[in-house]
PDB file of N, CA and C in Angstrom:
ATOM      1  N   MET A   1       0.884  -1.116  -0.009  1.00  0.00           N
ATOM      2  CA  MET A   1       0.192   0.088   0.063  1.00  0.00           C
ATOM      3  C   MET A   1       1.057   1.155   0.008  1.00  0.00           C
ATOM      4  N   ASP A   2       0.735   1.864  -1.126  1.00  0.00           N
ATOM      5  CA  ASP A   2       1.376   3.115  -0.835  1.00  0.00           C
ATOM      6  C   ASP A   2       0.929   4.562   0.110  1.00  0.00           C
ATOM      7  N   LEU A   3       2.299   5.384   0.447  1.00  0.00           N
ATOM      8  CA  LEU A   3       1.613   6.431   1.438  1.00  0.00           C
ATOM      9  C   LEU A   3       0.594   7.464   1.210  1.00  0.00           C
ATOM     10  N   GLN A   4      -0.213   7.024   0.199  1.00  0.00           N
ATOM     11  CA  GLN A   4      -1.245   8.066  -0.199  1.00  0.00           C
ATOM     12  C   GLN A   4      -2.431   7.835   0.268  1.00  0.00           C
ATOM     13  N   THR A   5      -2.239   6.173  -0.203  1.00  0.00           N
ATOM     14  CA  THR A   5      -3.709   5.345   0.244  1.00  0.00           C
ATOM     15  C   THR A   5      -3.469   4.948   1.573  1.00  0.00           C
ATOM     16  N   ARG A   6      -2.565   5.052   2.249  1.00  0.00           N
ATOM     17  CA  ARG A   6      -2.386   4.702   4.117  1.00  0.00           C
ATOM     18  C   ARG A   6      -2.683   5.788   4.164  1.00  0.00           C
ATOM     19  N   LYS A   7      -2.801   7.542   4.255  1.00  0.00           N
ATOM     20  CA  LYS A   7      -3.286   8.388   4.695  1.00  0.00           C
ATOM     21  C   LYS A   7      -4.318   8.698   4.077  1.00  0.00           C
ATOM     22  N   LEU A   8      -4.873   8.208   3.264  1.00  0.00           N
ATOM     23  CA  LEU A   8      -6.466   7.928   3.120  1.00  0.00           C
ATOM     24  C   LEU A   8      -6.870   7.219   3.986  1.00  0.00           C
ATOM     25  N   GLU A   9      -6.585   5.934   4.084  1.00  0.00           N
ATOM     26  CA  GLU A   9      -7.166   5.161   5.270  1.00  0.00           C
ATOM     27  C   GLU A   9      -7.035   5.818   6.792  1.00  0.00           C
ATOM     28  N   ILE A  10      -6.368   6.289   7.087  1.00  0.00           N
ATOM     29  CA  ILE A  10      -6.052   6.954   8.064  1.00  0.00           C
ATOM     30  C   ILE A  10      -7.161   8.024   8.521  1.00  0.00           C
ATOM     31  N   ILE A  11      -7.284   8.815   7.521  1.00  0.00           N
ATOM     32  CA  ILE A  11      -8.503   9.847   7.264  1.00  0.00           C
ATOM     33  C   ILE A  11      -9.445   9.201   7.753  1.00  0.00           C
ATOM     34  N   ARG A  12     -10.005   8.075   6.941  1.00  0.00           N
ATOM     35  CA  ARG A  12     -11.280   7.501   7.079  1.00  0.00           C
ATOM     36  C   ARG A  12     -11.727   6.831   8.142  1.00  0.00           C
ATOM     37  N   GLU A  13     -10.431   6.473   9.347  1.00  0.00           N
ATOM     38  CA  GLU A  13     -10.519   6.035  10.490  1.00  0.00           C
ATOM     39  C   GLU A  13     -10.474   7.030  11.650  1.00  0.00           C
ATOM     40  N   PHE A  14     -10.238   8.086  11.474  1.00  0.00           N
ATOM     41  CA  PHE A  14      -9.962   9.149  12.284  1.00  0.00           C
ATOM     42  C   PHE A  14     -11.626   9.876  12.165  1.00  0.00           C
ATOM     43  N   LEU A  15     -12.179   9.789  11.117  1.00  0.00           N
ATOM     44  CA  LEU A  15     -13.751  10.704  11.036  1.00  0.00           C
ATOM     45  C   LEU A  15     -14.044   9.664  11.606  1.00  0.00           C
ATOM     46  N   LYS A  16     -14.310   8.565  12.027  1.00  0.00           N
ATOM     47  CA  LYS A  16     -15.060   7.609  12.794  1.00  0.00           C
ATOM     48  C   LYS A  16     -14.962   8.028  14.145  1.00  0.00           C
ATOM     49  N   VAL A  17     -14.122   8.363  14.600  1.00  0.00           N
ATOM     50  CA  VAL A  17     -13.377   8.613  16.292  1.00  0.00           C
ATOM     51  C   VAL A  17     -14.317   9.625  16.812  1.00  0.00           C
ATOM     52  N   GLN A  18     -15.363   9.376  17.856  1.00  0.00           N
ATOM     53  CA  GLN A  18     -16.415  10.026  18.566  1.00  0.00           C
ATOM     54  C   GLN A  18     -15.665  10.512  19.857  1.00  0.00           C
ATOM     55  N   SER A  19     -14.363  10.037  20.220  1.00  0.00           N
ATOM     56  CA  SER A  19     -13.843  10.247  21.734  1.00  0.00           C
ATOM     57  C   SER A  19     -13.038  11.957  21.698  1.00  0.00           C
ATOM     58  N   GLU A  20     -13.373  12.656  22.208  1.00  0.00           N
ATOM     59  CA  GLU A  20     -12.391  14.193  22.686  1.00  0.00           C
ATOM     60  C   GLU A  20     -11.231  13.870  22.592  1.00  0.00           C
ATOM     61  N   ASP A  21     -11.051  12.398  23.869  1.00  0.00           N
ATOM     62  CA  ASP A  21      -9.709  12.098  24.427  1.00  0.00           C
ATOM     63  C   ASP A  21      -8.598  11.473  23.292  1.00  0.00           C
ATOM     64  N   VAL A  22      -8.938  10.690  22.771  1.00  0.00           N
ATOM     65  CA  VAL A  22      -8.551  10.211  21.165  1.00  0.00           C
ATOM     66  C   VAL A  22      -7.504  11.387  20.458  1.00  0.00           C
ATOM     67  N   VAL A  23      -9.247  12.320  19.806  1.00  0.00           N
ATOM     68  CA  VAL A  23      -8.683  13.103  18.911  1.00  0.00           C
ATOM     69  C   VAL A  23      -7.324  14.018  19.682  1.00  0.00           C
ATOM     70  N   SER A  24      -7.687  14.488  20.761  1.00  0.00           N
ATOM     71  CA  SER A  24      -6.885  15.028  21.754  1.00  0.00           C
ATOM     72  C   SER A  24      -5.341  14.175  21.703  1.00  0.00           C
ATOM     73  N   ARG A  25      -5.289  13.078  21.683  1.00  0.00           N
ATOM     74  CA  ARG A  25      -3.789  12.274  21.846  1.00  0.00           C
ATOM     75  C   ARG A  25      -3.200  12.405  20.103  1.00  0.00           C
ATOM     76  N   ILE A  26      -4.264  11.996  19.417  1.00  0.00           N
ATOM     77  CA  ILE A  26      -3.679  12.344  17.867  1.00  0.00           C
ATOM     78  C   ILE A  26      -3.337  13.792  17.400  1.00  0.00           C
ATOM     79  N   GLU A  27      -3.643  14.582  17.863  1.00  0.00           N
ATOM     80  CA  GLU A  27      -3.361  16.184  17.885  1.00  0.00           C
ATOM     81  C   GLU A  27      -2.334  16.166  18.388  1.00  0.00           C
ATOM     82  N   LYS A  28      -2.030  16.064  19.813  1.00  0.00           N
ATOM     83  CA  LYS A  28      -0.666  16.211  20.396  1.00  0.00           C
ATOM     84  C   LYS A  28       0.636  15.056  19.411  1.00  0.00           C
ATOM     85  N   ILE A  29       0.022  14.297  19.032  1.00  0.00           N
ATOM     86  CA  ILE A  29       1.415  13.317  18.105  1.00  0.00           C
ATOM     87  C   ILE A  29       1.804  14.264  16.713  1.00  0.00           C
ATOM     88  N   LEU A  30       0.521  14.609  16.351  1.00  0.00           N
ATOM     89  CA  LEU A  30       0.720  15.296  15.024  1.00  0.00           C
ATOM     90  C   LEU A  30       1.672  16.623  15.361  1.00  0.00           C
ATOM     91  N   ILE A  31       1.216  17.372  16.436  1.00  0.00           N
ATOM     92  CA  ILE A  31       1.869  18.591  16.746  1.00  0.00           C
ATOM     93  C   ILE A  31       3.373  18.405  17.079  1.00  0.00           C
ATOM     94  N   LYS A  32       3.750  17.176  17.981  1.00  0.00           N
ATOM     95  CA  LYS A  32       5.173  16.574  18.185  1.00  0.00           C
ATOM     96  C   LYS A  32       5.656  16.613  17.121  1.00  0.00           C
ATOM     97  N   GLU A  33       5.587  15.838  16.155  1.00  0.00           N
ATOM     98  CA  GLU A  33       6.090  15.567  14.988  1.00  0.00           C
ATOM     99  C   GLU A  33       6.341  16.638  13.496  1.00  0.00           C
ATOM    100  N   ASN A  34       5.546  17.266  13.917  1.00  0.00           N
ATOM    101  CA  ASN A  34       5.848  18.191  12.644  1.00  0.00           C
ATOM    102  C   ASN A  34       6.428  19.274  13.648  1.00  0.00           C
ATOM    103  N   GLN A  35       7.159  19.456  14.897  1.00  0.00           N
ATOM    104  CA  GLN A  35       7.894  20.397  15.271  1.00  0.00           C
ATOM    105  C   GLN A  35       9.080  19.516  15.161  1.00  0.00           C
ATOM    106  N   THR A  36       9.378  18.102  15.527  1.00  0.00           N
ATOM    107  CA  THR A  36      10.629  17.619  14.781  1.00  0.00           C
ATOM    108  C   THR A  36      11.134  17.956  13.675  1.00  0.00           C
ATOM    109  N   SER A  37       9.820  17.945  12.380  1.00  0.00           N
ATOM    110  CA  SER A  37      10.386  17.831  10.912  1.00  0.00           C
ATOM    111  C   SER A  37      10.955  19.332  10.772  1.00  0.00           C
ATOM    112  N   GLU A  38      10.082  20.161  11.795  1.00  0.00           N
ATOM    113  CA  GLU A  38      10.536  21.686  11.655  1.00  0.00           C
ATOM    114  C   GLU A  38      12.343  21.803  11.937  1.00  0.00           C
ATOM    115  N   LYS A  39      12.874  21.062  13.152  1.00  0.00           N
ATOM    116  CA  LYS A  39      13.728  20.838  13.159  1.00  0.00           C
ATOM    117  C   LYS A  39      15.052  20.056  12.289  1.00  0.00           C
ATOM    118  N   GLU A  40      14.481  19.311  11.239  1.00  0.00           N
ATOM    119  CA  GLU A  40      15.392  18.751  10.552  1.00  0.00           C
ATOM    120  C   GLU A  40      15.519  19.404   9.571  1.00  0.00           C
ATOM    121  N   VAL A  41      15.279  20.875   9.463  1.00  0.00           N
ATOM    122  CA  VAL A  41      15.782  21.713   8.030  1.00  0.00           C
ATOM    123  C   VAL A  41      16.983  21.492   7.450  1.00  0.00           C
ATOM    124  N   LEU A  42      17.044  21.915   6.418  1.00  0.00           N
ATOM    125  CA  LEU A  42      18.188  21.678   5.401  1.00  0.00           C
ATOM    126  C   LEU A  42      19.073  22.599   6.232  1.00  0.00           C
ATOM    127  N   LYS A  43      20.497  22.458   6.168  1.00  0.00           N
ATOM    128  CA  LYS A  43      21.588  24.050   6.920  1.00  0.00           C
ATOM    129  C   LYS A  43      22.346  23.920   5.526  1.00  0.00           C
ATOM    130  N   PRO A  44      22.583  25.281   5.159  1.00  0.00           N
ATOM    131  CA  PRO A  44      23.728  25.349   3.851  1.00  0.00           C
ATOM    132  C   PRO A  44      24.595  24.801   4.470  1.00  0.00           C
ATOM    133  N   MET A  45      25.474  24.111   3.164  1.00  0.00           N
ATOM    134  CA  MET A  45      27.186  23.969   3.630  1.00  0.00           C
ATOM    135  C   MET A  45      27.836  25.157   3.664  1.00  0.00           C
ATOM    136  N   THR A  46      28.985  24.873   4.491  1.00  0.00           N
ATOM    137  CA  THR A  46      29.950  26.023   4.576  1.00  0.00           C
ATOM    138  C   THR A  46      30.818  25.832   3.193  1.00  0.00           C
ATOM    139  N   ILE A  47      31.616  27.023   2.919  1.00  0.00           N
ATOM    140  CA  ILE A  47      32.417  26.958   1.830  1.00  0.00           C
ATOM    141  C   ILE A  47      33.269  25.558   1.829  1.00  0.00           C
ATOM    142  N   GLU A  48      34.178  24.996   3.008  1.00  0.00           N
ATOM    143  CA  GLU A  48      34.429  23.984   2.850  1.00  0.00           C
ATOM    144  C   GLU A  48      33.984  22.385   2.545  1.00  0.00           C
ATOM    145  N   GLU A  49      32.879  22.681   2.782  1.00  0.00           N
ATOM    146  CA  GLU A  49      32.037  21.510   2.694  1.00  0.00           C
ATOM    147  C   GLU A  49      31.886  20.990   0.955  1.00  0.00           C
ATOM    148  N   PHE A  50      31.295  22.633   0.672  1.00  0.00           N
ATOM    149  CA  PHE A  50      31.330  22.478  -0.552  1.00  0.00           C
ATOM    150  C   PHE A  50      31.945  22.050  -1.587  1.00  0.00           C
ATOM    151  N   ASN A  51      33.310  22.903  -0.651  1.00  0.00           N
ATOM    152  CA  ASN A  51      34.764  22.645  -1.649  1.00  0.00           C
ATOM    153  C   ASN A  51      35.085  21.330  -1.813  1.00  0.00           C
ATOM    154  N   SER A  52      35.147  20.682  -0.376  1.00  0.00           N
ATOM    155  CA  SER A  52      35.234  19.299  -0.380  1.00  0.00           C
ATOM    156  C   SER A  52      34.296  18.112  -1.404  1.00  0.00           C
ATOM    157  N   ARG A  53      33.191  18.303  -1.522  1.00  0.00           N
ATOM    158  CA  ARG A  53      32.232  17.509  -2.480  1.00  0.00           C
ATOM    159  C   ARG A  53      32.670  17.435  -3.845  1.00  0.00           C
ATOM    160  N   ILE A  54      33.202  18.835  -4.231  1.00  0.00           N
ATOM    161  CA  ILE A  54      33.514  19.399  -5.767  1.00  0.00           C
ATOM    162  C   ILE A  54      35.018  18.857  -5.811  1.00  0.00           C
ATOM    163  N   ASN A  55      35.749  18.416  -5.097  1.00  0.00           N
ATOM    164  CA  ASN A  55      37.010  17.810  -5.226  1.00  0.00           C
ATOM    165  C   ASN A  55      36.796  16.388  -4.849  1.00  0.00           C
ATOM    166  N   LYS A  56      35.559  15.480  -4.062  1.00  0.00           N
ATOM    167  CA  LYS A  56      35.710  14.404  -4.466  1.00  0.00           C
ATOM    168  C   LYS A  56      34.582  13.983  -5.811  1.00  0.00           C
ATOM    169  N   SER A  57      33.687  14.637  -6.367  1.00  0.00           N
ATOM    170  CA  SER A  57      33.287  14.775  -7.211  1.00  0.00           C
ATOM    171  C   SER A  57      34.186  14.451  -8.273  1.00  0.00           C
ATOM    172  N   LEU A  58      35.197  15.731  -8.584  1.00  0.00           N
ATOM    173  CA  LEU A  58      36.375  15.562  -9.620  1.00  0.00           C
ATOM    174  C   LEU A  58      37.078  14.163  -9.279  1.00  0.00           C
ATOM    175  N   GLU A  59      37.563  13.283  -8.295  1.00  0.00           N
ATOM    176  CA  GLU A  59      38.393  12.656  -7.935  1.00  0.00           C
ATOM    177  C   GLU A  59      37.337  10.853  -8.702  1.00  0.00           C
ATOM    178  N   ASP A  60      36.233  11.389  -8.345  1.00  0.00           N
ATOM    179  CA  ASP A  60      35.663  10.122  -8.653  1.00  0.00           C
ATOM    180  C   ASP A  60      35.347   9.880 -10.122  1.00  0.00           C
ATOM    181  N   SER A  61      35.281  11.303 -11.017  1.00  0.00           N
ATOM    182  CA  SER A  61      35.144  11.320 -12.226  1.00  0.00           C
ATOM    183  C   SER A  61      36.888  10.826 -12.703  1.00  0.00           C
ATOM    184  N   LYS A  62      37.581  10.993 -12.433  1.00  0.00           N
ATOM    185  CA  LYS A  62      38.776  10.587 -12.869  1.00  0.00           C
ATOM    186  C   LYS A  62      39.313   9.231 -12.906  1.00  0.00           C
ATOM    187  N   ASN A  63      38.573   8.829 -11.725  1.00  0.00           N
ATOM    188  CA  ASN A  63      38.781   7.359 -11.557  1.00  0.00           C
ATOM    189  C   ASN A  63      37.683   6.349 -11.838  1.00  0.00           C
ATOM    190  N   GLY A  64      36.586   7.233 -12.690  1.00  0.00           N
ATOM    191  CA  GLY A  64      35.859   6.206 -13.502  1.00  0.00           C
ATOM    192  C   GLY A  64      34.888   5.799 -12.271  1.00  0.00           C
ATOM    193  N   ARG A  65      34.160   6.591 -11.764  1.00  0.00           N
ATOM    194  CA  ARG A  65      33.185   5.971 -10.931  1.00  0.00           C
ATOM    195  C   ARG A  65      32.317   7.064 -10.766  1.00  0.00           C
ATOM    196  N   LEU A  66      31.348   6.813 -11.844  1.00  0.00           N
ATOM    197  CA  LEU A  66      30.030   7.293 -12.354  1.00  0.00           C
ATOM    198  C   LEU A  66      29.447   6.294 -12.897  1.00  0.00           C
ATOM    199  N   ILE A  67      28.509   7.123 -13.060  1.00  0.00           N
ATOM    200  CA  ILE A  67      26.785   6.553 -13.518  1.00  0.00           C
ATOM    201  C   ILE A  67      26.083   7.141 -14.669  1.00  0.00           C
ATOM    202  N   GLU A  68      26.042   6.472 -15.521  1.00  0.00           N
ATOM    203  CA  GLU A  68      25.252   7.052 -16.753  1.00  0.00           C
ATOM    204  C   GLU A  68      23.755   7.778 -16.001  1.00  0.00           C
ATOM    205  N   ALA A  69      23.313   8.807 -16.528  1.00  0.00           N
ATOM    206  CA  ALA A  69      21.529   9.529 -15.606  1.00  0.00           C
ATOM    207  C   ALA A  69      20.881   8.313 -16.033  1.00  0.00           C
ATOM    208  N   THR A  70      20.821   7.271 -17.390  1.00  0.00           N
ATOM    209  CA  THR A  70      19.556   6.599 -17.770  1.00  0.00           C
ATOM    210  C   THR A  70      19.659   5.743 -16.555  1.00  0.00           C
ATOM    211  N   GLU A  71      20.776   5.413 -16.602  1.00  0.00           N
ATOM    212  CA  GLU A  71      21.084   4.152 -15.773  1.00  0.00           C
ATOM    213  C   GLU A  71      20.745   4.236 -14.188  1.00  0.00           C
ATOM    214  N   PHE A  72      20.896   5.158 -13.568  1.00  0.00           N
ATOM    215  CA  PHE A  72      20.520   6.004 -12.236  1.00  0.00           C
ATOM    216  C   PHE A  72      19.445   6.163 -12.716  1.00  0.00           C
ATOM    217  N   LYS A  73      18.495   6.536 -13.740  1.00  0.00           N
ATOM    218  CA  LYS A  73      16.942   6.897 -13.541  1.00  0.00           C
ATOM    219  C   LYS A  73      16.408   5.268 -13.417  1.00  0.00           C
ATOM    220  N   SER A  74      16.716   4.403 -13.905  1.00  0.00           N
ATOM    221  CA  SER A  74      16.715   2.723 -13.967  1.00  0.00           C
ATOM    222  C   SER A  74      16.378   2.411 -12.967  1.00  0.00           C
ATOM    223  N   LYS A  75      17.842   2.952 -11.635  1.00  0.00           N
ATOM    224  CA  LYS A  75      17.769   2.489 -10.202  1.00  0.00           C
ATOM    225  C   LYS A  75      16.709   2.851  -9.755  1.00  0.00           C
ATOM    226  N   ILE A  76      16.620   4.392 -10.014  1.00  0.00           N
ATOM    227  CA  ILE A  76      15.481   4.911  -8.872  1.00  0.00           C
ATOM    228  C   ILE A  76      14.147   4.488  -9.277  1.00  0.00           C
ATOM    229  N   ASP A  77      13.706   3.784 -10.632  1.00  0.00           N
ATOM    230  CA  ASP A  77      12.704   3.269 -10.621  1.00  0.00           C
ATOM    231  C   ASP A  77      12.104   2.016 -10.303  1.00  0.00           C
ATOM    232  N   THR A  78      13.231   1.470  -9.723  1.00  0.00           N
ATOM    233  CA  THR A  78      12.810   0.058  -8.522  1.00  0.00           C
ATOM    234  C   THR A  78      12.738   0.607  -7.283  1.00  0.00           C
ATOM    235  N   TRP A  79      13.243   1.247  -6.952  1.00  0.00           N
ATOM    236  CA  TRP A  79      12.986   1.834  -5.553  1.00  0.00           C
ATOM    237  C   TRP A  79      11.601   1.620  -4.849  1.00  0.00           C
ATOM    238  N   SER A  80      10.610   2.301  -5.777  1.00  0.00           N
ATOM    239  CA  SER A  80       9.483   1.819  -5.097  1.00  0.00           C
ATOM    240  C   SER A  80       8.248   0.632  -5.385  1.00  0.00           C
TER     241      SER A  80
END
């Protein structure tokens, strides 16, 4: 079952809930999860990190550690 379908199933079940306590507990869980997600916001790289990544990429290229975009896309397509 994909994520979208799972979320719809949760919504259907949630709409059946008649208990104020259950709604409050679910609400608290969602608030806590959203706060946690907000803390995981991406931070910009430092110049040193950026240059290090560039150097690693150049080294990988020189040593043939590359993958064609089409091959990479095919791999991504198998992930789901």
